[in-house]
């Protein structure tokens, strides 16, 4: 499988961004997927996850209703809508393929999100 994230950029605090992750190489609906992020000097952390059908989701505690994860299996694409962005959301965001729910075995290339205060 190949996963390529896009949609990152520079945004002011309080603004919004939508990230996309294009999947190829395998049937997208065969596996759950998730978003991770890694800020400079910090460990990678999970942001959100979505099941194969899209009916089940998971969010990191820090999201607090600001982000929404979704997938379009017909388009082989995963999304992350991020609202009310904060400076502490600045990080490289990665999409990942799940082996089983909330356990991941492959991370794609990331996209940088920078939130200015």
PDB file of N, CA and C in Angstrom:
ATOM      1  N   UNK A   1       0.845  -1.187   0.000  1.00  0.00           N
ATOM      2  CA  UNK A   1       0.000   0.000   0.000  1.00  0.00           C
ATOM      3  C   UNK A   1       0.885   1.244   0.000  1.00  0.00           C
ATOM      4  N   UNK A   2       0.367   2.307  -0.622  1.00  0.00           N
ATOM      5  CA  UNK A   2       1.043   3.605  -0.567  1.00  0.00           C
ATOM      6  C   UNK A   2       0.041   4.647  -0.069  1.00  0.00           C
ATOM      7  N   UNK A   3       0.507   5.499   0.815  1.00  0.00           N
ATOM      8  CA  UNK A   3      -0.322   6.558   1.379  1.00  0.00           C
ATOM      9  C   UNK A   3       0.400   7.887   1.220  1.00  0.00           C
ATOM     10  N   UNK A   4      -0.283   8.875   0.684  1.00  0.00           N
ATOM     11  CA  UNK A   4       0.322  10.187   0.461  1.00  0.00           C
ATOM     12  C   UNK A   4      -0.591  11.261   1.011  1.00  0.00           C
ATOM     13  N   UNK A   5      -0.113  11.923   2.052  1.00  0.00           N
ATOM     14  CA  UNK A   5      -0.875  13.008   2.670  1.00  0.00           C
ATOM     15  C   UNK A   5      -0.623  14.324   1.942  1.00  0.00           C
ATOM     16  N   UNK A   6      -1.633  15.178   1.954  1.00  0.00           N
ATOM     17  CA  UNK A   6      -1.511  16.500   1.355  1.00  0.00           C
ATOM     18  C   UNK A   6      -2.467  17.450   2.056  1.00  0.00           C
ATOM     19  N   UNK A   7      -2.327  18.735   1.740  1.00  0.00           N
ATOM     20  CA  UNK A   7      -3.245  19.718   2.285  1.00  0.00           C
ATOM     21  C   UNK A   7      -2.696  20.547   3.414  1.00  0.00           C
ATOM     22  N   UNK A   8      -1.485  20.255   3.846  1.00  0.00           N
ATOM     23  CA  UNK A   8      -0.888  21.045   4.908  1.00  0.00           C
ATOM     24  C   UNK A   8      -0.523  22.436   4.429  1.00  0.00           C
ATOM     25  N   UNK A   9      -0.146  23.283   5.371  1.00  0.00           N
ATOM     26  CA  UNK A   9       0.247  24.636   5.024  1.00  0.00           C
ATOM     27  C   UNK A   9       0.304  25.502   6.252  1.00  0.00           C
ATOM     28  N   UNK A  10       0.369  26.797   6.007  1.00  0.00           N
ATOM     29  CA  UNK A  10       0.438  27.788   7.080  1.00  0.00           C
ATOM     30  C   UNK A  10      -0.951  28.387   7.294  1.00  0.00           C
ATOM     31  N   UNK A  11      -1.396  28.403   8.530  1.00  0.00           N
ATOM     32  CA  UNK A  11      -2.711  28.945   8.854  1.00  0.00           C
ATOM     33  C   UNK A  11      -2.611  29.689  10.177  1.00  0.00           C
ATOM     34  N   UNK A  12      -3.434  30.700  10.337  1.00  0.00           N
ATOM     35  CA  UNK A  12      -3.457  31.427  11.598  1.00  0.00           C
ATOM     36  C   UNK A  12      -4.235  30.663  12.649  1.00  0.00           C
ATOM     37  N   UNK A  13      -3.898  30.903  13.881  1.00  0.00           N
ATOM     38  CA  UNK A  13      -4.634  30.286  14.988  1.00  0.00           C
ATOM     39  C   UNK A  13      -6.121  30.620  14.857  1.00  0.00           C
ATOM     40  N   UNK A  14      -6.942  29.615  15.093  1.00  0.00           N
ATOM     41  CA  UNK A  14      -8.375  29.777  14.934  1.00  0.00           C
ATOM     42  C   UNK A  14      -8.880  29.393  13.552  1.00  0.00           C
ATOM     43  N   UNK A  15      -7.967  29.186  12.625  1.00  0.00           N
ATOM     44  CA  UNK A  15      -8.334  28.844  11.263  1.00  0.00           C
ATOM     45  C   UNK A  15      -8.579  27.360  11.068  1.00  0.00           C
ATOM     46  N   UNK A  16      -8.784  26.993   9.806  1.00  0.00           N
ATOM     47  CA  UNK A  16      -9.113  25.616   9.454  1.00  0.00           C
ATOM     48  C   UNK A  16      -8.244  25.123   8.303  1.00  0.00           C
ATOM     49  N   UNK A  17      -8.063  23.822   8.267  1.00  0.00           N
ATOM     50  CA  UNK A  17      -7.404  23.143   7.158  1.00  0.00           C
ATOM     51  C   UNK A  17      -8.070  21.792   6.970  1.00  0.00           C
ATOM     52  N   UNK A  18      -8.053  21.306   5.750  1.00  0.00           N
ATOM     53  CA  UNK A  18      -8.490  19.941   5.494  1.00  0.00           C
ATOM     54  C   UNK A  18      -7.346  19.172   4.864  1.00  0.00           C
ATOM     55  N   UNK A  19      -6.945  18.123   5.531  1.00  0.00           N
ATOM     56  CA  UNK A  19      -5.920  17.246   5.014  1.00  0.00           C
ATOM     57  C   UNK A  19      -6.560  16.098   4.245  1.00  0.00           C
ATOM     58  N   UNK A  20      -5.841  15.634   3.234  1.00  0.00           N
ATOM     59  CA  UNK A  20      -6.278  14.473   2.470  1.00  0.00           C
ATOM     60  C   UNK A  20      -5.162  13.448   2.449  1.00  0.00           C
ATOM     61  N   UNK A  21      -5.528  12.203   2.294  1.00  0.00           N
ATOM     62  CA  UNK A  21      -4.554  11.124   2.173  1.00  0.00           C
ATOM     63  C   UNK A  21      -5.033  10.200   1.071  1.00  0.00           C
ATOM     64  N   UNK A  22      -4.260  10.136   0.001  1.00  0.00           N
ATOM     65  CA  UNK A  22      -4.601   9.285  -1.123  1.00  0.00           C
ATOM     66  C   UNK A  22      -3.946   7.926  -0.958  1.00  0.00           C
ATOM     67  N   UNK A  23      -4.737   6.878  -1.099  1.00  0.00           N
ATOM     68  CA  UNK A  23      -4.235   5.512  -0.940  1.00  0.00           C
ATOM     69  C   UNK A  23      -4.205   4.812  -2.290  1.00  0.00           C
ATOM     70  N   UNK A  24      -3.220   3.953  -2.444  1.00  0.00           N
ATOM     71  CA  UNK A  24      -3.114   3.150  -3.659  1.00  0.00           C
ATOM     72  C   UNK A  24      -2.404   1.852  -3.334  1.00  0.00           C
ATOM     73  N   UNK A  25      -2.545   0.894  -4.222  1.00  0.00           N
ATOM     74  CA  UNK A  25      -1.829  -0.358  -4.073  1.00  0.00           C
ATOM     75  C   UNK A  25      -2.608  -1.474  -3.416  1.00  0.00           C
ATOM     76  N   UNK A  26      -3.654  -1.120  -2.682  1.00  0.00           N
ATOM     77  CA  UNK A  26      -4.515  -2.115  -2.072  1.00  0.00           C
ATOM     78  C   UNK A  26      -5.933  -1.593  -2.078  1.00  0.00           C
ATOM     79  N   UNK A  27      -6.891  -2.492  -1.897  1.00  0.00           N
ATOM     80  CA  UNK A  27      -8.284  -2.073  -1.807  1.00  0.00           C
ATOM     81  C   UNK A  27      -8.472  -1.270  -0.528  1.00  0.00           C
ATOM     82  N   UNK A  28      -8.807   0.004  -0.682  1.00  0.00           N
ATOM     83  CA  UNK A  28      -8.825   0.936   0.448  1.00  0.00           C
ATOM     84  C   UNK A  28      -9.790   0.494   1.541  1.00  0.00           C
ATOM     85  N   UNK A  29     -10.905  -0.058   1.162  1.00  0.00           N
ATOM     86  CA  UNK A  29     -11.911  -0.439   2.159  1.00  0.00           C
ATOM     87  C   UNK A  29     -11.540  -1.700   2.932  1.00  0.00           C
ATOM     88  N   UNK A  30     -10.412  -2.297   2.634  1.00  0.00           N
ATOM     89  CA  UNK A  30      -9.967  -3.504   3.338  1.00  0.00           C
ATOM     90  C   UNK A  30      -9.335  -3.213   4.689  1.00  0.00           C
ATOM     91  N   UNK A  31      -9.009  -1.948   4.969  1.00  0.00           N
ATOM     92  CA  UNK A  31      -8.302  -1.658   6.207  1.00  0.00           C
ATOM     93  C   UNK A  31      -8.749  -0.331   6.815  1.00  0.00           C
ATOM     94  N   UNK A  32      -8.691  -0.317   8.147  1.00  0.00           N
ATOM     95  CA  UNK A  32      -8.905   0.942   8.863  1.00  0.00           C
ATOM     96  C   UNK A  32      -7.680   1.828   8.674  1.00  0.00           C
ATOM     97  N   UNK A  33      -7.869   3.117   8.862  1.00  0.00           N
ATOM     98  CA  UNK A  33      -6.785   4.076   8.695  1.00  0.00           C
ATOM     99  C   UNK A  33      -6.832   5.121   9.792  1.00  0.00           C
ATOM    100  N   UNK A  34      -5.738   5.832   9.906  1.00  0.00           N
ATOM    101  CA  UNK A  34      -5.695   6.858  10.941  1.00  0.00           C
ATOM    102  C   UNK A  34      -4.766   7.988  10.571  1.00  0.00           C
ATOM    103  N   UNK A  35      -4.852   9.045  11.356  1.00  0.00           N
ATOM    104  CA  UNK A  35      -3.955  10.193  11.251  1.00  0.00           C
ATOM    105  C   UNK A  35      -3.085  10.266  12.496  1.00  0.00           C
ATOM    106  N   UNK A  36      -1.823  10.532  12.287  1.00  0.00           N
ATOM    107  CA  UNK A  36      -0.867  10.764  13.357  1.00  0.00           C
ATOM    108  C   UNK A  36      -0.222  12.125  13.131  1.00  0.00           C
ATOM    109  N   UNK A  37       0.447  12.611  14.156  1.00  0.00           N
ATOM    110  CA  UNK A  37       1.226  13.814  13.990  1.00  0.00           C
ATOM    111  C   UNK A  37       2.477  13.743  14.853  1.00  0.00           C
ATOM    112  N   UNK A  38       3.483  14.477  14.435  1.00  0.00           N
ATOM    113  CA  UNK A  38       4.712  14.559  15.201  1.00  0.00           C
ATOM    114  C   UNK A  38       5.231  15.980  15.138  1.00  0.00           C
ATOM    115  N   UNK A  39       5.302  16.595  16.293  1.00  0.00           N
ATOM    116  CA  UNK A  39       5.826  17.946  16.412  1.00  0.00           C
ATOM    117  C   UNK A  39       7.324  17.878  16.693  1.00  0.00           C
ATOM    118  N   UNK A  40       8.055  18.923  16.391  1.00  0.00           N
ATOM    119  CA  UNK A  40       9.499  18.920  16.647  1.00  0.00           C
ATOM    120  C   UNK A  40       9.824  18.615  18.100  1.00  0.00           C
ATOM    121  N   UNK A  41      10.696  17.641  18.306  1.00  0.00           N
ATOM    122  CA  UNK A  41      11.117  17.292  19.651  1.00  0.00           C
ATOM    123  C   UNK A  41      10.128  16.476  20.444  1.00  0.00           C
ATOM    124  N   UNK A  42       9.022  16.076  19.807  1.00  0.00           N
ATOM    125  CA  UNK A  42       7.998  15.306  20.518  1.00  0.00           C
ATOM    126  C   UNK A  42       7.796  13.954  19.842  1.00  0.00           C
ATOM    127  N   UNK A  43       7.179  13.059  20.574  1.00  0.00           N
ATOM    128  CA  UNK A  43       6.880  11.749  20.028  1.00  0.00           C
ATOM    129  C   UNK A  43       5.656  11.818  19.103  1.00  0.00           C
ATOM    130  N   UNK A  44       5.591  10.870  18.204  1.00  0.00           N
ATOM    131  CA  UNK A  44       4.427  10.770  17.339  1.00  0.00           C
ATOM    132  C   UNK A  44       3.204  10.391  18.172  1.00  0.00           C
ATOM    133  N   UNK A  45       2.071  11.002  17.849  1.00  0.00           N
ATOM    134  CA  UNK A  45       0.845  10.696  18.580  1.00  0.00           C
ATOM    135  C   UNK A  45      -0.309  10.519  17.604  1.00  0.00           C
ATOM    136  N   UNK A  46      -1.270   9.722  18.015  1.00  0.00           N
ATOM    137  CA  UNK A  46      -2.416   9.499  17.165  1.00  0.00           C
ATOM    138  C   UNK A  46      -3.368  10.692  17.261  1.00  0.00           C
ATOM    139  N   UNK A  47      -3.891  11.101  16.132  1.00  0.00           N
ATOM    140  CA  UNK A  47      -4.841  12.201  16.073  1.00  0.00           C
ATOM    141  C   UNK A  47      -6.261  11.663  15.964  1.00  0.00           C
ATOM    142  N   UNK A  48      -6.457  10.755  15.016  1.00  0.00           N
ATOM    143  CA  UNK A  48      -7.794  10.225  14.766  1.00  0.00           C
ATOM    144  C   UNK A  48      -7.684   8.922  14.001  1.00  0.00           C
ATOM    145  N   UNK A  49      -8.738   8.120  14.087  1.00  0.00           N
ATOM    146  CA  UNK A  49      -8.794   6.860  13.363  1.00  0.00           C
ATOM    147  C   UNK A  49     -10.216   6.652  12.864  1.00  0.00           C
ATOM    148  N   UNK A  50     -10.324   5.885  11.779  1.00  0.00           N
ATOM    149  CA  UNK A  50     -11.638   5.571  11.238  1.00  0.00           C
ATOM    150  C   UNK A  50     -11.630   4.129  10.743  1.00  0.00           C
ATOM    151  N   UNK A  51     -12.735   3.436  10.967  1.00  0.00           N
ATOM    152  CA  UNK A  51     -12.846   2.033  10.594  1.00  0.00           C
ATOM    153  C   UNK A  51     -12.991   1.874   9.086  1.00  0.00           C
ATOM    154  N   UNK A  52     -13.012   0.637   8.646  1.00  0.00           N
ATOM    155  CA  UNK A  52     -13.050   0.366   7.209  1.00  0.00           C
ATOM    156  C   UNK A  52     -14.273   0.980   6.536  1.00  0.00           C
ATOM    157  N   UNK A  53     -15.404   0.907   7.198  1.00  0.00           N
ATOM    158  CA  UNK A  53     -16.640   1.434   6.601  1.00  0.00           C
ATOM    159  C   UNK A  53     -16.827   2.920   6.872  1.00  0.00           C
ATOM    160  N   UNK A  54     -16.080   3.432   7.840  1.00  0.00           N
ATOM    161  CA  UNK A  54     -16.254   4.821   8.252  1.00  0.00           C
ATOM    162  C   UNK A  54     -17.219   4.988   9.400  1.00  0.00           C
ATOM    163  N   UNK A  55     -17.782   3.895   9.868  1.00  0.00           N
ATOM    164  CA  UNK A  55     -18.809   3.989  10.888  1.00  0.00           C
ATOM    165  C   UNK A  55     -18.287   4.124  12.311  1.00  0.00           C
ATOM    166  N   UNK A  56     -17.026   3.858  12.511  1.00  0.00           N
ATOM    167  CA  UNK A  56     -16.426   3.946  13.840  1.00  0.00           C
ATOM    168  C   UNK A  56     -15.230   4.884  13.768  1.00  0.00           C
ATOM    169  N   UNK A  57     -15.143   5.774  14.750  1.00  0.00           N
ATOM    170  CA  UNK A  57     -14.046   6.718  14.775  1.00  0.00           C
ATOM    171  C   UNK A  57     -13.431   6.788  16.170  1.00  0.00           C
ATOM    172  N   UNK A  58     -12.234   7.304  16.212  1.00  0.00           N
ATOM    173  CA  UNK A  58     -11.504   7.499  17.466  1.00  0.00           C
ATOM    174  C   UNK A  58     -10.731   8.798  17.329  1.00  0.00           C
ATOM    175  N   UNK A  59     -10.635   9.548  18.456  1.00  0.00           N
ATOM    176  CA  UNK A  59      -9.891  10.796  18.457  1.00  0.00           C
ATOM    177  C   UNK A  59      -8.979  10.882  19.668  1.00  0.00           C
ATOM    178  N   UNK A  60      -7.823  11.470  19.459  1.00  0.00           N
ATOM    179  CA  UNK A  60      -6.961  11.757  20.590  1.00  0.00           C
ATOM    180  C   UNK A  60      -7.625  12.753  21.522  1.00  0.00           C
ATOM    181  N   UNK A  61      -7.284  12.687  22.807  1.00  0.00           N
ATOM    182  CA  UNK A  61      -7.929  13.539  23.803  1.00  0.00           C
ATOM    183  C   UNK A  61      -7.776  15.025  23.493  1.00  0.00           C
ATOM    184  N   UNK A  62      -6.679  15.392  22.879  1.00  0.00           N
ATOM    185  CA  UNK A  62      -6.410  16.806  22.642  1.00  0.00           C
ATOM    186  C   UNK A  62      -7.300  17.387  21.533  1.00  0.00           C
ATOM    187  N   UNK A  63      -7.974  16.532  20.762  1.00  0.00           N
ATOM    188  CA  UNK A  63      -8.799  17.018  19.654  1.00  0.00           C
ATOM    189  C   UNK A  63      -9.998  17.802  20.185  1.00  0.00           C
ATOM    190  N   UNK A  64     -10.675  17.268  21.175  1.00  0.00           N
ATOM    191  CA  UNK A  64     -11.761  17.953  21.873  1.00  0.00           C
ATOM    192  C   UNK A  64     -12.796  18.553  20.919  1.00  0.00           C
ATOM    193  N   UNK A  65     -13.230  17.772  19.938  1.00  0.00           N
ATOM    194  CA  UNK A  65     -14.299  18.194  19.058  1.00  0.00           C
ATOM    195  C   UNK A  65     -13.879  19.127  17.938  1.00  0.00           C
ATOM    196  N   UNK A  66     -12.605  19.417  17.800  1.00  0.00           N
ATOM    197  CA  UNK A  66     -12.149  20.364  16.783  1.00  0.00           C
ATOM    198  C   UNK A  66     -11.911  19.715  15.423  1.00  0.00           C
ATOM    199  N   UNK A  67     -11.582  18.428  15.408  1.00  0.00           N
ATOM    200  CA  UNK A  67     -11.236  17.737  14.161  1.00  0.00           C
ATOM    201  C   UNK A  67     -12.297  16.695  13.832  1.00  0.00           C
ATOM    202  N   UNK A  68     -12.423  16.405  12.538  1.00  0.00           N
ATOM    203  CA  UNK A  68     -13.323  15.351  12.079  1.00  0.00           C
ATOM    204  C   UNK A  68     -12.598  14.489  11.053  1.00  0.00           C
ATOM    205  N   UNK A  69     -12.591  13.193  11.280  1.00  0.00           N
ATOM    206  CA  UNK A  69     -11.984  12.250  10.350  1.00  0.00           C
ATOM    207  C   UNK A  69     -13.086  11.596   9.523  1.00  0.00           C
ATOM    208  N   UNK A  70     -12.791  11.390   8.249  1.00  0.00           N
ATOM    209  CA  UNK A  70     -13.759  10.753   7.354  1.00  0.00           C
ATOM    210  C   UNK A  70     -13.001  10.076   6.227  1.00  0.00           C
ATOM    211  N   UNK A  71     -13.668   9.183   5.556  1.00  0.00           N
ATOM    212  CA  UNK A  71     -13.054   8.508   4.422  1.00  0.00           C
ATOM    213  C   UNK A  71     -14.072   8.366   3.308  1.00  0.00           C
ATOM    214  N   UNK A  72     -13.564   8.324   2.075  1.00  0.00           N
ATOM    215  CA  UNK A  72     -14.385   8.075   0.900  1.00  0.00           C
ATOM    216  C   UNK A  72     -13.771   6.869   0.197  1.00  0.00           C
ATOM    217  N   UNK A  73     -14.347   5.716   0.408  1.00  0.00           N
ATOM    218  CA  UNK A  73     -13.768   4.491  -0.150  1.00  0.00           C
ATOM    219  C   UNK A  73     -13.844   4.466  -1.680  1.00  0.00           C
ATOM    220  N   UNK A  74     -14.825   5.136  -2.240  1.00  0.00           N
ATOM    221  CA  UNK A  74     -14.926   5.193  -3.702  1.00  0.00           C
ATOM    222  C   UNK A  74     -13.779   5.994  -4.309  1.00  0.00           C
ATOM    223  N   UNK A  75     -13.252   6.944  -3.543  1.00  0.00           N
ATOM    224  CA  UNK A  75     -12.150   7.781  -4.021  1.00  0.00           C
ATOM    225  C   UNK A  75     -10.809   7.375  -3.425  1.00  0.00           C
ATOM    226  N   UNK A  76     -10.805   6.310  -2.623  1.00  0.00           N
ATOM    227  CA  UNK A  76      -9.566   5.850  -1.984  1.00  0.00           C
ATOM    228  C   UNK A  76      -8.873   6.978  -1.215  1.00  0.00           C
ATOM    229  N   UNK A  77      -9.659   7.730  -0.489  1.00  0.00           N
ATOM    230  CA  UNK A  77      -9.119   8.918   0.167  1.00  0.00           C
ATOM    231  C   UNK A  77      -9.601   9.032   1.609  1.00  0.00           C
ATOM    232  N   UNK A  78      -8.678   9.420   2.469  1.00  0.00           N
ATOM    233  CA  UNK A  78      -8.936   9.698   3.877  1.00  0.00           C
ATOM    234  C   UNK A  78      -8.837  11.202   4.074  1.00  0.00           C
ATOM    235  N   UNK A  79      -9.676  11.738   4.959  1.00  0.00           N
ATOM    236  CA  UNK A  79      -9.678  13.179   5.211  1.00  0.00           C
ATOM    237  C   UNK A  79      -9.536  13.480   6.692  1.00  0.00           C
ATOM    238  N   UNK A  80      -9.036  14.670   6.973  1.00  0.00           N
ATOM    239  CA  UNK A  80      -9.037  15.186   8.337  1.00  0.00           C
ATOM    240  C   UNK A  80      -9.385  16.668   8.254  1.00  0.00           C
ATOM    241  N   UNK A  81     -10.572  17.000   8.710  1.00  0.00           N
ATOM    242  CA  UNK A  81     -10.995  18.396   8.776  1.00  0.00           C
ATOM    243  C   UNK A  81     -10.576  18.940  10.132  1.00  0.00           C
ATOM    244  N   UNK A  82      -9.766  19.984  10.122  1.00  0.00           N
ATOM    245  CA  UNK A  82      -9.244  20.558  11.361  1.00  0.00           C
ATOM    246  C   UNK A  82      -9.753  21.991  11.488  1.00  0.00           C
ATOM    247  N   UNK A  83     -10.481  22.236  12.560  1.00  0.00           N
ATOM    248  CA  UNK A  83     -11.017  23.561  12.838  1.00  0.00           C
ATOM    249  C   UNK A  83     -10.442  24.091  14.151  1.00  0.00           C
ATOM    250  N   UNK A  84     -10.591  25.372  14.364  1.00  0.00           N
ATOM    251  CA  UNK A  84     -10.120  26.006  15.606  1.00  0.00           C
ATOM    252  C   UNK A  84      -8.677  25.619  15.910  1.00  0.00           C
ATOM    253  N   UNK A  85      -7.842  25.731  14.920  1.00  0.00           N
ATOM    254  CA  UNK A  85      -6.454  25.307  15.074  1.00  0.00           C
ATOM    255  C   UNK A  85      -5.710  26.176  16.077  1.00  0.00           C
ATOM    256  N   UNK A  86      -4.792  25.529  16.787  1.00  0.00           N
ATOM    257  CA  UNK A  86      -3.980  26.194  17.808  1.00  0.00           C
ATOM    258  C   UNK A  86      -2.502  26.055  17.418  1.00  0.00           C
ATOM    259  N   UNK A  87      -1.672  26.884  17.992  1.00  0.00           N
ATOM    260  CA  UNK A  87      -0.252  26.812  17.680  1.00  0.00           C
ATOM    261  C   UNK A  87       0.326  25.446  18.035  1.00  0.00           C
ATOM    262  N   UNK A  88      -0.215  24.832  19.076  1.00  0.00           N
ATOM    263  CA  UNK A  88       0.287  23.515  19.476  1.00  0.00           C
ATOM    264  C   UNK A  88      -0.128  22.402  18.514  1.00  0.00           C
ATOM    265  N   UNK A  89      -0.943  22.704  17.523  1.00  0.00           N
ATOM    266  CA  UNK A  89      -1.264  21.730  16.492  1.00  0.00           C
ATOM    267  C   UNK A  89      -0.198  21.689  15.399  1.00  0.00           C
ATOM    268  N   UNK A  90       0.768  22.575  15.462  1.00  0.00           N
ATOM    269  CA  UNK A  90       1.851  22.579  14.487  1.00  0.00           C
ATOM    270  C   UNK A  90       2.619  21.267  14.546  1.00  0.00           C
ATOM    271  N   UNK A  91       2.703  20.579  13.416  1.00  0.00           N
ATOM    272  CA  UNK A  91       3.338  19.269  13.356  1.00  0.00           C
ATOM    273  C   UNK A  91       3.323  18.771  11.919  1.00  0.00           C
ATOM    274  N   UNK A  92       4.052  17.694  11.698  1.00  0.00           N
ATOM    275  CA  UNK A  92       3.905  16.948  10.454  1.00  0.00           C
ATOM    276  C   UNK A  92       2.818  15.905  10.685  1.00  0.00           C
ATOM    277  N   UNK A  93       1.846  15.884   9.804  1.00  0.00           N
ATOM    278  CA  UNK A  93       0.724  14.963   9.922  1.00  0.00           C
ATOM    279  C   UNK A  93       0.885  13.824   8.921  1.00  0.00           C
ATOM    280  N   UNK A  94       0.680  12.614   9.416  1.00  0.00           N
ATOM    281  CA  UNK A  94       0.839  11.405   8.611  1.00  0.00           C
ATOM    282  C   UNK A  94      -0.454  10.603   8.607  1.00  0.00           C
ATOM    283  N   UNK A  95      -0.721   9.931   7.507  1.00  0.00           N
ATOM    284  CA  UNK A  95      -1.793   8.942   7.511  1.00  0.00           C
ATOM    285  C   UNK A  95      -1.149   7.565   7.604  1.00  0.00           C
ATOM    286  N   UNK A  96      -1.898   6.643   8.171  1.00  0.00           N
ATOM    287  CA  UNK A  96      -1.357   5.327   8.455  1.00  0.00           C
ATOM    288  C   UNK A  96      -2.403   4.255   8.214  1.00  0.00           C
ATOM    289  N   UNK A  97      -1.915   3.088   7.875  1.00  0.00           N
ATOM    290  CA  UNK A  97      -2.771   1.920   7.644  1.00  0.00           C
ATOM    291  C   UNK A  97      -2.802   1.085   8.918  1.00  0.00           C
ATOM    292  N   UNK A  98      -3.999   0.646   9.260  1.00  0.00           N
ATOM    293  CA  UNK A  98      -4.178  -0.143  10.471  1.00  0.00           C
ATOM    294  C   UNK A  98      -4.071  -1.632  10.169  1.00  0.00           C
ATOM    295  N   UNK A  99      -3.358  -2.339  11.044  1.00  0.00           N
ATOM    296  CA  UNK A  99      -3.305  -3.802  10.953  1.00  0.00           C
ATOM    297  C   UNK A  99      -4.555  -4.382  11.634  1.00  0.00           C
ATOM    298  N   UNK A 100      -4.783  -3.945  12.845  1.00  0.00           N
ATOM    299  CA  UNK A 100      -6.031  -4.174  13.548  1.00  0.00           C
ATOM    300  C   UNK A 100      -6.390  -2.830  14.169  1.00  0.00           C
ATOM    301  N   UNK A 101      -7.569  -2.690  14.726  1.00  0.00           N
ATOM    302  CA  UNK A 101      -8.046  -1.410  15.226  1.00  0.00           C
ATOM    303  C   UNK A 101      -7.044  -0.783  16.194  1.00  0.00           C
ATOM    304  N   UNK A 102      -6.585   0.423  15.845  1.00  0.00           N
ATOM    305  CA  UNK A 102      -5.654   1.238  16.606  1.00  0.00           C
ATOM    306  C   UNK A 102      -4.261   0.640  16.721  1.00  0.00           C
ATOM    307  N   UNK A 103      -3.944  -0.307  15.856  1.00  0.00           N
ATOM    308  CA  UNK A 103      -2.574  -0.805  15.742  1.00  0.00           C
ATOM    309  C   UNK A 103      -2.177  -0.662  14.280  1.00  0.00           C
ATOM    310  N   UNK A 104      -1.039   0.028  14.036  1.00  0.00           N
ATOM    311  CA  UNK A 104      -0.701   0.428  12.679  1.00  0.00           C
ATOM    312  C   UNK A 104       0.599  -0.216  12.217  1.00  0.00           C
ATOM    313  N   UNK A 105       0.645  -0.511  10.906  1.00  0.00           N
ATOM    314  CA  UNK A 105       1.833  -1.168  10.384  1.00  0.00           C
ATOM    315  C   UNK A 105       2.465  -0.421   9.229  1.00  0.00           C
ATOM    316  N   UNK A 106       1.896   0.699   8.827  1.00  0.00           N
ATOM    317  CA  UNK A 106       2.486   1.445   7.727  1.00  0.00           C
ATOM    318  C   UNK A 106       2.084   2.908   7.821  1.00  0.00           C
ATOM    319  N   UNK A 107       3.077   3.781   7.700  1.00  0.00           N
ATOM    320  CA  UNK A 107       2.835   5.221   7.692  1.00  0.00           C
ATOM    321  C   UNK A 107       3.317   5.792   6.356  1.00  0.00           C
ATOM    322  N   UNK A 108       2.511   6.650   5.785  1.00  0.00           N
ATOM    323  CA  UNK A 108       2.893   7.288   4.532  1.00  0.00           C
ATOM    324  C   UNK A 108       3.720   8.542   4.780  1.00  0.00           C
ATOM    325  N   UNK A 109       4.016   9.247   3.721  1.00  0.00           N
ATOM    326  CA  UNK A 109       4.727  10.513   3.838  1.00  0.00           C
ATOM    327  C   UNK A 109       3.785  11.561   4.420  1.00  0.00           C
ATOM    328  N   UNK A 110       4.328  12.458   5.180  1.00  0.00           N
ATOM    329  CA  UNK A 110       3.512  13.420   5.889  1.00  0.00           C
ATOM    330  C   UNK A 110       3.352  14.747   5.174  1.00  0.00           C
ATOM    331  N   UNK A 111       2.537  15.593   5.774  1.00  0.00           N
ATOM    332  CA  UNK A 111       2.336  16.945   5.295  1.00  0.00           C
ATOM    333  C   UNK A 111       2.453  17.887   6.487  1.00  0.00           C
ATOM    334  N   UNK A 112       3.146  19.000   6.297  1.00  0.00           N
ATOM    335  CA  UNK A 112       3.437  19.901   7.402  1.00  0.00           C
ATOM    336  C   UNK A 112       2.297  20.896   7.604  1.00  0.00           C
ATOM    337  N   UNK A 113       1.853  20.991   8.837  1.00  0.00           N
ATOM    338  CA  UNK A 113       0.859  21.985   9.238  1.00  0.00           C
ATOM    339  C   UNK A 113       1.529  22.942  10.211  1.00  0.00           C
ATOM    340  N   UNK A 114       1.486  24.219   9.880  1.00  0.00           N
ATOM    341  CA  UNK A 114       2.060  25.238  10.750  1.00  0.00           C
ATOM    342  C   UNK A 114       0.965  26.222  11.119  1.00  0.00           C
ATOM    343  N   UNK A 115       0.750  26.385  12.416  1.00  0.00           N
ATOM    344  CA  UNK A 115      -0.271  27.288  12.913  1.00  0.00           C
ATOM    345  C   UNK A 115       0.421  28.461  13.601  1.00  0.00           C
ATOM    346  N   UNK A 116       0.194  29.630  13.063  1.00  0.00           N
ATOM    347  CA  UNK A 116       0.827  30.815  13.634  1.00  0.00           C
ATOM    348  C   UNK A 116      -0.103  31.459  14.653  1.00  0.00           C
ATOM    349  N   UNK A 117       0.495  31.937  15.730  1.00  0.00           N
ATOM    350  CA  UNK A 117      -0.312  32.548  16.802  1.00  0.00           C
ATOM    351  C   UNK A 117      -0.355  34.061  16.666  1.00  0.00           C
TER     352      UNK A 117
END
